C-alpha cells in the first residue's frame, strides 16, 4: 500500500488558500517545493497584507514574496499524490484544499485532526529547511517527518 504524508503551509488571499510550501513524504524521500506568489504583495487588501505579515512573523515564517516554483505548477506537484492509496494530512484547510484539487478522482485523504487520539504536531524551533524566518517557524518538511514517524509508531492498523 502506498502511503504518503503531505503538509502545506500557505497564505489566505481573497478568501482562498494559496500554498507557499508543499512537502510530500513517502517515508524514504521528501519532495519539497517553495511556491512563488500568484500576485504581488502591494495590490493585496489591507486585511490580506496584515494576515500575510502575521503568518510570516508568527506562524510559518515564510516570506510572501519568495519562492522557486511557479504557482502554475502546483497542480502538477499535487498530482504526485494521485497514485497513493492513502494520503495523510493534518488540518481541515489542507484537507479541503486537496479534496478540491482532486474533486473528480481523489486518493483517500485522511485528516488526522479528526481523530481524538492524534496528538498535535510539536512546534519545532528548528525547521529542516532553511526558508523560514521569525520566531515561530512551522516547516512542512518537519511536519511530514513528524507525522510519518507518528503514523509508523502509533497508528492503529
C-alpha atoms as a PDB file:
ATOM      1  CA  UNK A   1       0.000   0.000   0.000  1.00  0.00           C
ATOM      2  CA  UNK A   2       1.413   3.408  -0.999  1.00  0.00           C
ATOM      3  CA  UNK A   3       1.090   5.842   1.906  1.00  0.00           C
ATOM      4  CA  UNK A   4       2.102   9.489   1.606  1.00  0.00           C
ATOM      5  CA  UNK A   5       2.107  12.358   4.073  1.00  0.00           C
ATOM      6  CA  UNK A   6       1.534  15.850   2.710  1.00  0.00           C
ATOM      7  CA  UNK A   7       1.868  19.143   4.512  1.00  0.00           C
ATOM      8  CA  UNK A   8       1.156  22.533   3.031  1.00  0.00           C
ATOM      9  CA  UNK A   9       1.933  25.918   4.537  1.00  0.00           C
ATOM     10  CA  UNK A  10       0.378  28.900   2.845  1.00  0.00           C
ATOM     11  CA  UNK A  11      -1.424  32.207   2.832  1.00  0.00           C
ATOM     12  CA  UNK A  12      -5.100  33.094   2.520  1.00  0.00           C
ATOM     13  CA  UNK A  13      -5.607  35.753  -0.151  1.00  0.00           C
ATOM     14  CA  UNK A  14      -9.086  36.992  -1.106  1.00  0.00           C
ATOM     15  CA  UNK A  15     -10.539  34.155   0.959  1.00  0.00           C
ATOM     16  CA  UNK A  16      -8.632  31.477  -0.977  1.00  0.00           C
ATOM     17  CA  UNK A  17      -5.869  29.282   0.469  1.00  0.00           C
ATOM     18  CA  UNK A  18      -2.692  29.639  -1.593  1.00  0.00           C
ATOM     19  CA  UNK A  19       0.087  27.135  -0.972  1.00  0.00           C
ATOM     20  CA  UNK A  20       3.519  28.570  -0.225  1.00  0.00           C
ATOM     21  CA  UNK A  21       5.384  25.445   0.865  1.00  0.00           C
ATOM     22  CA  UNK A  22       4.485  21.873  -0.056  1.00  0.00           C
ATOM     23  CA  UNK A  23       6.203  18.781   1.333  1.00  0.00           C
ATOM     24  CA  UNK A  24       5.342  15.203   0.380  1.00  0.00           C
ATOM     25  CA  UNK A  25       6.896  12.333   2.329  1.00  0.00           C
ATOM     26  CA  UNK A  26       6.792   8.636   1.395  1.00  0.00           C
ATOM     27  CA  UNK A  27       8.825   7.505   4.407  1.00  0.00           C
ATOM     28  CA  UNK A  28      12.075   7.344   2.469  1.00  0.00           C
ATOM     29  CA  UNK A  29      12.154  10.570   0.491  1.00  0.00           C
ATOM     30  CA  UNK A  30      10.674  14.046   0.897  1.00  0.00           C
ATOM     31  CA  UNK A  31       9.726  16.196  -2.074  1.00  0.00           C
ATOM     32  CA  UNK A  32       9.810  19.866  -1.125  1.00  0.00           C
ATOM     33  CA  UNK A  33       8.586  22.903  -3.047  1.00  0.00           C
ATOM     34  CA  UNK A  34       8.563  26.620  -2.233  1.00  0.00           C
ATOM     35  CA  UNK A  35       5.911  28.306  -4.360  1.00  0.00           C
ATOM     36  CA  UNK A  36       6.144  31.809  -5.849  1.00  0.00           C
ATOM     37  CA  UNK A  37       3.115  34.005  -5.094  1.00  0.00           C
ATOM     38  CA  UNK A  38       0.345  34.214  -7.667  1.00  0.00           C
ATOM     39  CA  UNK A  39       0.241  38.005  -7.253  1.00  0.00           C
ATOM     40  CA  UNK A  40       2.462  40.708  -5.843  1.00  0.00           C
ATOM     41  CA  UNK A  41       2.102  41.825  -2.252  1.00  0.00           C
ATOM     42  CA  UNK A  42       1.306  45.503  -2.968  1.00  0.00           C
ATOM     43  CA  UNK A  43      -2.175  45.045  -4.537  1.00  0.00           C
ATOM     44  CA  UNK A  44      -3.382  42.802  -1.686  1.00  0.00           C
ATOM     45  CA  UNK A  45      -6.122  44.165   0.552  1.00  0.00           C
ATOM     46  CA  UNK A  46      -5.032  45.611   3.886  1.00  0.00           C
ATOM     47  CA  UNK A  47      -6.553  42.607   5.664  1.00  0.00           C
ATOM     48  CA  UNK A  48      -4.690  40.125   3.430  1.00  0.00           C
ATOM     49  CA  UNK A  49      -1.436  42.045   3.973  1.00  0.00           C
ATOM     50  CA  UNK A  50      -1.997  42.003   7.732  1.00  0.00           C
ATOM     51  CA  UNK A  51      -2.696  38.259   7.681  1.00  0.00           C
ATOM     52  CA  UNK A  52       0.333  37.564   5.464  1.00  0.00           C
ATOM     53  CA  UNK A  53       2.620  39.549   7.778  1.00  0.00           C
ATOM     54  CA  UNK A  54       1.243  37.696  10.798  1.00  0.00           C
ATOM     55  CA  UNK A  55       1.890  34.315   9.184  1.00  0.00           C
ATOM     56  CA  UNK A  56       5.391  35.410   8.157  1.00  0.00           C
ATOM     57  CA  UNK A  57       6.227  36.552  11.697  1.00  0.00           C
ATOM     58  CA  UNK A  58       4.406  34.133  13.972  1.00  0.00           C
ATOM     59  CA  UNK A  59       3.325  31.024  12.090  1.00  0.00           C
ATOM     60  CA  UNK A  60       5.451  29.541   9.333  1.00  0.00           C
ATOM     61  CA  UNK A  61       7.990  32.307   8.817  1.00  0.00           C
ATOM     62  CA  UNK A  62       7.856  32.071   5.018  1.00  0.00           C
ATOM     63  CA  UNK A  63       8.233  35.324   3.105  1.00  0.00           C
ATOM     64  CA  UNK A  64       5.198  36.008   0.919  1.00  0.00           C
ATOM     65  CA  UNK A  65       7.328  37.252  -1.988  1.00  0.00           C
ATOM     66  CA  UNK A  66       9.821  34.354  -2.065  1.00  0.00           C
ATOM     67  CA  UNK A  67       9.616  31.073  -3.959  1.00  0.00           C
ATOM     68  CA  UNK A  68      11.258  28.935  -6.613  1.00  0.00           C
ATOM     69  CA  UNK A  69       8.357  27.174  -8.309  1.00  0.00           C
ATOM     70  CA  UNK A  70       5.604  28.939 -10.243  1.00  0.00           C
ATOM     71  CA  UNK A  71       2.137  28.739  -8.690  1.00  0.00           C
ATOM     72  CA  UNK A  72       1.011  27.376 -12.072  1.00  0.00           C
ATOM     73  CA  UNK A  73       2.963  24.192 -11.286  1.00  0.00           C
ATOM     74  CA  UNK A  74       1.048  23.437  -8.076  1.00  0.00           C
ATOM     75  CA  UNK A  75      -1.492  21.106  -9.781  1.00  0.00           C
ATOM     76  CA  UNK A  76       1.365  19.075 -11.274  1.00  0.00           C
ATOM     77  CA  UNK A  77       3.090  18.910  -7.880  1.00  0.00           C
ATOM     78  CA  UNK A  78      -0.093  17.751  -6.183  1.00  0.00           C
ATOM     79  CA  UNK A  79      -0.523  15.031  -8.793  1.00  0.00           C
ATOM     80  CA  UNK A  80       2.369  13.252  -7.052  1.00  0.00           C
ATOM     81  CA  UNK A  81      -0.359  12.263  -4.568  1.00  0.00           C
ATOM     82  CA  UNK A  82      -2.721  10.875  -7.227  1.00  0.00           C
ATOM     83  CA  UNK A  83      -1.468   7.288  -7.234  1.00  0.00           C
ATOM     84  CA  UNK A  84      -1.290   6.976  -3.440  1.00  0.00           C
ATOM     85  CA  UNK A  85      -3.609   4.562  -1.681  1.00  0.00           C
ATOM     86  CA  UNK A  86      -3.702   6.852   1.338  1.00  0.00           C
ATOM     87  CA  UNK A  87      -2.639  10.465   1.914  1.00  0.00           C
ATOM     88  CA  UNK A  88      -2.364  11.775   5.462  1.00  0.00           C
ATOM     89  CA  UNK A  89      -2.647  15.477   6.261  1.00  0.00           C
ATOM     90  CA  UNK A  90      -3.142  17.381   9.468  1.00  0.00           C
ATOM     91  CA  UNK A  91      -5.623  20.244   9.245  1.00  0.00           C
ATOM     92  CA  UNK A  92      -9.017  20.945   7.720  1.00  0.00           C
ATOM     93  CA  UNK A  93      -7.718  23.681   5.424  1.00  0.00           C
ATOM     94  CA  UNK A  94      -5.115  21.354   3.907  1.00  0.00           C
ATOM     95  CA  UNK A  95      -7.595  18.500   3.618  1.00  0.00           C
ATOM     96  CA  UNK A  96     -10.196  20.698   1.917  1.00  0.00           C
ATOM     97  CA  UNK A  97      -7.587  22.176  -0.438  1.00  0.00           C
ATOM     98  CA  UNK A  98      -6.510  18.692  -1.583  1.00  0.00           C
ATOM     99  CA  UNK A  99     -10.083  17.405  -1.904  1.00  0.00           C
ATOM    100  CA  UNK A 100     -10.902  20.426  -4.065  1.00  0.00           C
ATOM    101  CA  UNK A 101      -7.839  19.758  -6.237  1.00  0.00           C
ATOM    102  CA  UNK A 102      -8.774  16.080  -6.709  1.00  0.00           C
ATOM    103  CA  UNK A 103     -12.515  16.703  -6.990  1.00  0.00           C
ATOM    104  CA  UNK A 104     -13.136  14.058  -9.682  1.00  0.00           C
ATOM    105  CA  UNK A 105     -10.833  11.213  -8.696  1.00  0.00           C
ATOM    106  CA  UNK A 106      -9.253  11.811  -5.296  1.00  0.00           C
ATOM    107  CA  UNK A 107      -6.930   9.470  -3.471  1.00  0.00           C
ATOM    108  CA  UNK A 108      -8.139   8.658   0.039  1.00  0.00           C
ATOM    109  CA  UNK A 109      -7.172  11.763   2.023  1.00  0.00           C
ATOM    110  CA  UNK A 110      -7.247  11.435   5.814  1.00  0.00           C
ATOM    111  CA  UNK A 111      -7.192  14.469   8.086  1.00  0.00           C
ATOM    112  CA  UNK A 112      -5.525  13.307  11.290  1.00  0.00           C
ATOM    113  CA  UNK A 113      -7.102  16.188  13.238  1.00  0.00           C
ATOM    114  CA  UNK A 114     -10.437  14.390  13.050  1.00  0.00           C
ATOM    115  CA  UNK A 115      -9.126  11.632  15.354  1.00  0.00           C
ATOM    116  CA  UNK A 116      -9.162  12.215  19.113  1.00  0.00           C
ATOM    117  CA  UNK A 117      -6.051  10.077  19.552  1.00  0.00           C
ATOM    118  CA  UNK A 118      -3.989  12.108  17.094  1.00  0.00           C
ATOM    119  CA  UNK A 119      -1.511  14.283  19.007  1.00  0.00           C
ATOM    120  CA  UNK A 120      -0.835  17.868  17.952  1.00  0.00           C
ATOM    121  CA  UNK A 121       2.293  18.488  15.939  1.00  0.00           C
ATOM    122  CA  UNK A 122       5.211  19.658  18.042  1.00  0.00           C
ATOM    123  CA  UNK A 123       6.220  23.268  17.445  1.00  0.00           C
ATOM    124  CA  UNK A 124       9.773  22.758  16.317  1.00  0.00           C
ATOM    125  CA  UNK A 125      12.212  25.603  16.800  1.00  0.00           C
ATOM    126  CA  UNK A 126      14.482  24.123  14.143  1.00  0.00           C
ATOM    127  CA  UNK A 127      12.873  23.551  10.756  1.00  0.00           C
ATOM    128  CA  UNK A 128      14.623  21.113   8.455  1.00  0.00           C
ATOM    129  CA  UNK A 129      14.673  23.552   5.550  1.00  0.00           C
ATOM    130  CA  UNK A 130      16.300  26.979   5.544  1.00  0.00           C
ATOM    131  CA  UNK A 131      13.491  29.132   4.163  1.00  0.00           C
ATOM    132  CA  UNK A 132      11.791  30.020   7.455  1.00  0.00           C
ATOM    133  CA  UNK A 133      12.377  33.236   9.383  1.00  0.00           C
ATOM    134  CA  UNK A 134      10.993  34.729  12.553  1.00  0.00           C
ATOM    135  CA  UNK A 135      10.037  33.442  15.973  1.00  0.00           C
ATOM    136  CA  UNK A 136       7.789  30.529  15.066  1.00  0.00           C
ATOM    137  CA  UNK A 137       8.960  28.510  12.107  1.00  0.00           C
ATOM    138  CA  UNK A 138       6.486  25.814  11.237  1.00  0.00           C
ATOM    139  CA  UNK A 139       8.006  23.807   8.407  1.00  0.00           C
ATOM    140  CA  UNK A 140       6.141  21.466   6.041  1.00  0.00           C
ATOM    141  CA  UNK A 141       9.219  19.236   5.771  1.00  0.00           C
ATOM    142  CA  UNK A 142       9.449  18.905   9.548  1.00  0.00           C
ATOM    143  CA  UNK A 143       5.706  18.286   9.798  1.00  0.00           C
ATOM    144  CA  UNK A 144       5.716  15.475   7.218  1.00  0.00           C
ATOM    145  CA  UNK A 145       8.622  13.799   9.022  1.00  0.00           C
ATOM    146  CA  UNK A 146       6.894  14.092  12.405  1.00  0.00           C
ATOM    147  CA  UNK A 147       3.583  12.818  11.006  1.00  0.00           C
ATOM    148  CA  UNK A 148       5.183   9.909   9.160  1.00  0.00           C
ATOM    149  CA  UNK A 149       7.122   8.852  12.268  1.00  0.00           C
ATOM    150  CA  UNK A 150       3.991   9.096  14.381  1.00  0.00           C
ATOM    151  CA  UNK A 151       1.980   7.004  11.877  1.00  0.00           C
ATOM    152  CA  UNK A 152       4.724   4.389  11.730  1.00  0.00           C
ATOM    153  CA  UNK A 153       4.972   4.121  15.518  1.00  0.00           C
ATOM    154  CA  UNK A 154       1.459   4.766  16.813  1.00  0.00           C
ATOM    155  CA  UNK A 155      -1.212   4.462  14.151  1.00  0.00           C
ATOM    156  CA  UNK A 156      -3.606   1.617  14.789  1.00  0.00           C
ATOM    157  CA  UNK A 157      -3.676  -0.975  11.997  1.00  0.00           C
END
